[in-house]
Amino acid sequence: MAVKLKLTRMGSKKRPFYRVVAANNETRRDGRPLELLGYYNPMTNPADIKLDMEKVNAWIARGAEATDTVRALIRKQA
């Protein structure tokens, strides 16, 4: 079971809001995650990013891979 750190889309039509989650790589985009790690709101200026870096680092230490977008958000947060 490979785990990925990825975004799930929330919010309404044309008002996106994303949660950063750890999920099995075979689950669908908005499927049930293993753990909620934070959120990303691109609609505010500047974009609102809130990540629990302890949880993120713990998942990466266990072998989880971050998607390109999540990797960029982690860099912005740190």
N, C-alpha and C. Protein backbone atom coordinates (compact mmCIF):
# COMPACT_ATOMS: atom_id res chain seq x y z
N MET A 1 0.85 -1.18 0.00
CA MET A 1 0.00 0.00 0.00
C MET A 1 0.89 1.24 0.00
N ALA A 2 0.93 1.94 -1.10
CA ALA A 2 1.72 3.17 -1.21
C ALA A 2 0.84 4.35 -0.78
N VAL A 3 1.44 5.23 -0.01
CA VAL A 3 0.71 6.40 0.50
C VAL A 3 1.24 7.64 -0.17
N LYS A 4 0.32 8.54 -0.53
CA LYS A 4 0.68 9.83 -1.12
C LYS A 4 0.12 10.95 -0.28
N LEU A 5 0.84 12.05 -0.25
CA LEU A 5 0.33 13.28 0.34
C LEU A 5 -0.23 14.08 -0.83
N LYS A 6 -1.55 14.31 -0.82
CA LYS A 6 -2.17 14.95 -1.96
C LYS A 6 -3.28 15.89 -1.52
N LEU A 7 -3.85 16.59 -2.49
CA LEU A 7 -4.93 17.54 -2.23
C LEU A 7 -6.27 16.91 -2.51
N THR A 8 -7.26 17.21 -1.68
CA THR A 8 -8.65 16.87 -1.98
C THR A 8 -9.41 18.17 -2.09
N ARG A 9 -10.26 18.27 -3.09
CA ARG A 9 -10.96 19.51 -3.35
C ARG A 9 -12.22 19.59 -2.50
N MET A 10 -12.40 20.75 -1.88
CA MET A 10 -13.60 21.05 -1.11
C MET A 10 -14.16 22.35 -1.69
N GLY A 11 -15.11 22.94 -1.02
CA GLY A 11 -15.64 24.22 -1.48
C GLY A 11 -16.70 24.04 -2.55
N SER A 12 -17.20 25.14 -3.03
CA SER A 12 -18.28 25.11 -4.01
C SER A 12 -17.75 25.40 -5.41
N LYS A 13 -18.64 25.45 -6.36
CA LYS A 13 -18.29 25.70 -7.75
C LYS A 13 -17.58 27.06 -7.88
N LYS A 14 -16.43 27.06 -8.51
CA LYS A 14 -15.61 28.24 -8.75
C LYS A 14 -15.09 28.91 -7.48
N ARG A 15 -15.16 28.21 -6.34
CA ARG A 15 -14.60 28.69 -5.07
C ARG A 15 -13.82 27.54 -4.44
N PRO A 16 -12.70 27.14 -5.02
CA PRO A 16 -11.99 25.96 -4.53
C PRO A 16 -11.35 26.18 -3.17
N PHE A 17 -11.29 25.11 -2.42
CA PHE A 17 -10.63 25.04 -1.13
C PHE A 17 -10.09 23.62 -1.04
N TYR A 18 -8.85 23.46 -0.67
CA TYR A 18 -8.23 22.14 -0.69
C TYR A 18 -7.77 21.72 0.70
N ARG A 19 -7.90 20.43 0.98
CA ARG A 19 -7.33 19.84 2.18
C ARG A 19 -6.11 19.04 1.75
N VAL A 20 -5.06 19.13 2.53
CA VAL A 20 -3.85 18.32 2.30
C VAL A 20 -4.02 17.07 3.15
N VAL A 21 -4.00 15.91 2.51
CA VAL A 21 -4.26 14.66 3.21
C VAL A 21 -3.22 13.60 2.87
N ALA A 22 -3.11 12.62 3.73
CA ALA A 22 -2.35 11.41 3.43
C ALA A 22 -3.38 10.35 3.05
N ALA A 23 -3.23 9.78 1.86
CA ALA A 23 -4.20 8.80 1.38
C ALA A 23 -3.49 7.73 0.56
N ASN A 24 -4.11 6.59 0.50
CA ASN A 24 -3.63 5.51 -0.36
C ASN A 24 -3.61 6.02 -1.79
N ASN A 25 -2.58 5.69 -2.56
CA ASN A 25 -2.49 6.23 -3.92
C ASN A 25 -3.56 5.69 -4.85
N GLU A 26 -4.25 4.63 -4.46
CA GLU A 26 -5.29 4.06 -5.31
C GLU A 26 -6.67 4.65 -5.05
N THR A 27 -6.84 5.43 -3.98
CA THR A 27 -8.14 6.02 -3.71
C THR A 27 -8.39 7.18 -4.64
N ARG A 28 -9.65 7.49 -4.87
CA ARG A 28 -9.99 8.60 -5.75
C ARG A 28 -9.63 9.92 -5.09
N ARG A 29 -9.67 11.00 -5.83
CA ARG A 29 -9.22 12.30 -5.34
C ARG A 29 -9.91 12.72 -4.06
N ASP A 30 -11.22 12.57 -4.00
CA ASP A 30 -11.97 13.00 -2.82
C ASP A 30 -12.40 11.83 -1.95
N GLY A 31 -11.69 10.72 -2.03
CA GLY A 31 -12.01 9.56 -1.22
C GLY A 31 -11.59 9.76 0.23
N ARG A 32 -11.84 8.74 1.02
CA ARG A 32 -11.53 8.82 2.45
C ARG A 32 -10.02 8.83 2.68
N PRO A 33 -9.51 9.86 3.36
CA PRO A 33 -8.08 9.93 3.62
C PRO A 33 -7.69 9.13 4.86
N LEU A 34 -6.41 8.85 4.97
CA LEU A 34 -5.88 8.22 6.18
C LEU A 34 -5.74 9.24 7.30
N GLU A 35 -5.32 10.48 6.93
CA GLU A 35 -5.15 11.52 7.94
C GLU A 35 -5.19 12.89 7.27
N LEU A 36 -5.78 13.86 7.96
CA LEU A 36 -5.82 15.24 7.50
C LEU A 36 -4.57 15.95 8.01
N LEU A 37 -3.84 16.61 7.09
CA LEU A 37 -2.57 17.23 7.44
C LEU A 37 -2.62 18.76 7.42
N GLY A 38 -3.62 19.33 6.79
CA GLY A 38 -3.71 20.78 6.73
C GLY A 38 -4.67 21.20 5.63
N TYR A 39 -4.58 22.48 5.25
CA TYR A 39 -5.43 22.98 4.18
C TYR A 39 -4.71 24.04 3.36
N TYR A 40 -5.30 24.34 2.18
CA TYR A 40 -4.77 25.34 1.27
C TYR A 40 -5.95 26.07 0.66
N ASN A 41 -5.99 27.39 0.83
CA ASN A 41 -7.06 28.20 0.28
C ASN A 41 -6.48 29.18 -0.73
N PRO A 42 -6.60 28.89 -2.04
CA PRO A 42 -6.02 29.75 -3.05
C PRO A 42 -6.84 31.01 -3.34
N MET A 43 -8.04 31.12 -2.76
CA MET A 43 -8.92 32.25 -3.06
C MET A 43 -8.56 33.51 -2.29
N THR A 44 -7.75 33.40 -1.24
CA THR A 44 -7.35 34.59 -0.49
C THR A 44 -6.08 35.16 -1.10
N ASN A 45 -5.81 36.41 -0.81
CA ASN A 45 -4.61 37.04 -1.34
C ASN A 45 -3.78 37.57 -0.18
N PRO A 46 -2.64 37.01 0.15
CA PRO A 46 -1.99 35.85 -0.45
C PRO A 46 -2.69 34.55 -0.04
N ALA A 47 -2.37 33.49 -0.76
CA ALA A 47 -3.00 32.19 -0.50
C ALA A 47 -2.74 31.75 0.93
N ASP A 48 -3.76 31.16 1.55
CA ASP A 48 -3.70 30.71 2.94
C ASP A 48 -3.28 29.25 2.98
N ILE A 49 -2.11 28.99 3.57
CA ILE A 49 -1.58 27.62 3.67
C ILE A 49 -1.35 27.30 5.14
N LYS A 50 -1.93 26.21 5.60
CA LYS A 50 -1.76 25.78 6.99
C LYS A 50 -1.48 24.29 6.97
N LEU A 51 -0.26 23.91 7.36
CA LEU A 51 0.13 22.51 7.40
C LEU A 51 0.68 22.17 8.78
N ASP A 52 0.35 20.97 9.24
CA ASP A 52 0.94 20.45 10.48
C ASP A 52 2.23 19.74 10.07
N MET A 53 3.35 20.47 10.17
CA MET A 53 4.62 19.96 9.67
C MET A 53 5.10 18.71 10.41
N GLU A 54 4.72 18.55 11.68
CA GLU A 54 5.09 17.32 12.41
C GLU A 54 4.45 16.10 11.75
N LYS A 55 3.17 16.20 11.42
CA LYS A 55 2.48 15.09 10.76
C LYS A 55 3.03 14.84 9.36
N VAL A 56 3.30 15.93 8.62
CA VAL A 56 3.83 15.80 7.27
C VAL A 56 5.18 15.09 7.31
N ASN A 57 6.07 15.53 8.19
CA ASN A 57 7.39 14.90 8.30
C ASN A 57 7.29 13.45 8.75
N ALA A 58 6.33 13.15 9.63
CA ALA A 58 6.14 11.77 10.08
C ALA A 58 5.71 10.87 8.91
N TRP A 59 4.81 11.34 8.06
CA TRP A 59 4.37 10.55 6.92
C TRP A 59 5.49 10.37 5.91
N ILE A 60 6.27 11.42 5.68
CA ILE A 60 7.39 11.31 4.74
C ILE A 60 8.43 10.33 5.28
N ALA A 61 8.65 10.34 6.60
CA ALA A 61 9.60 9.40 7.21
C ALA A 61 9.13 7.96 7.06
N ARG A 62 7.80 7.76 7.02
CA ARG A 62 7.24 6.41 6.85
C ARG A 62 7.22 5.97 5.39
N GLY A 63 7.64 6.85 4.47
CA GLY A 63 7.73 6.46 3.07
C GLY A 63 6.67 7.04 2.16
N ALA A 64 5.85 7.96 2.66
CA ALA A 64 4.83 8.57 1.82
C ALA A 64 5.48 9.54 0.84
N GLU A 65 4.94 9.61 -0.38
CA GLU A 65 5.43 10.53 -1.39
C GLU A 65 4.46 11.70 -1.52
N ALA A 66 4.99 12.90 -1.63
CA ALA A 66 4.15 14.08 -1.83
C ALA A 66 3.99 14.33 -3.33
N THR A 67 2.80 14.77 -3.75
CA THR A 67 2.62 15.17 -5.14
C THR A 67 3.38 16.46 -5.37
N ASP A 68 3.53 16.84 -6.63
CA ASP A 68 4.29 18.04 -6.96
C ASP A 68 3.69 19.28 -6.30
N THR A 69 2.37 19.39 -6.32
CA THR A 69 1.71 20.55 -5.73
C THR A 69 1.91 20.59 -4.22
N VAL A 70 1.76 19.47 -3.57
CA VAL A 70 1.94 19.42 -2.12
C VAL A 70 3.40 19.71 -1.77
N ARG A 71 4.32 19.22 -2.57
CA ARG A 71 5.74 19.49 -2.34
C ARG A 71 6.00 21.00 -2.40
N ALA A 72 5.38 21.69 -3.35
CA ALA A 72 5.53 23.15 -3.47
C ALA A 72 4.92 23.86 -2.26
N LEU A 73 3.78 23.37 -1.76
CA LEU A 73 3.15 23.97 -0.59
C LEU A 73 4.01 23.77 0.65
N ILE A 74 4.65 22.62 0.77
CA ILE A 74 5.53 22.36 1.91
C ILE A 74 6.71 23.32 1.88
N ARG A 75 7.26 23.56 0.69
CA ARG A 75 8.38 24.50 0.57
C ARG A 75 7.95 25.92 0.97
N LYS A 76 6.74 26.33 0.56
CA LYS A 76 6.25 27.66 0.90
C LYS A 76 6.01 27.78 2.39
N GLN A 77 5.51 26.73 3.02
CA GLN A 77 5.20 26.74 4.45
C GLN A 77 6.48 26.81 5.29
N ALA A 78 7.51 26.10 4.88
CA ALA A 78 8.75 26.02 5.67
C ALA A 78 9.64 27.21 5.50
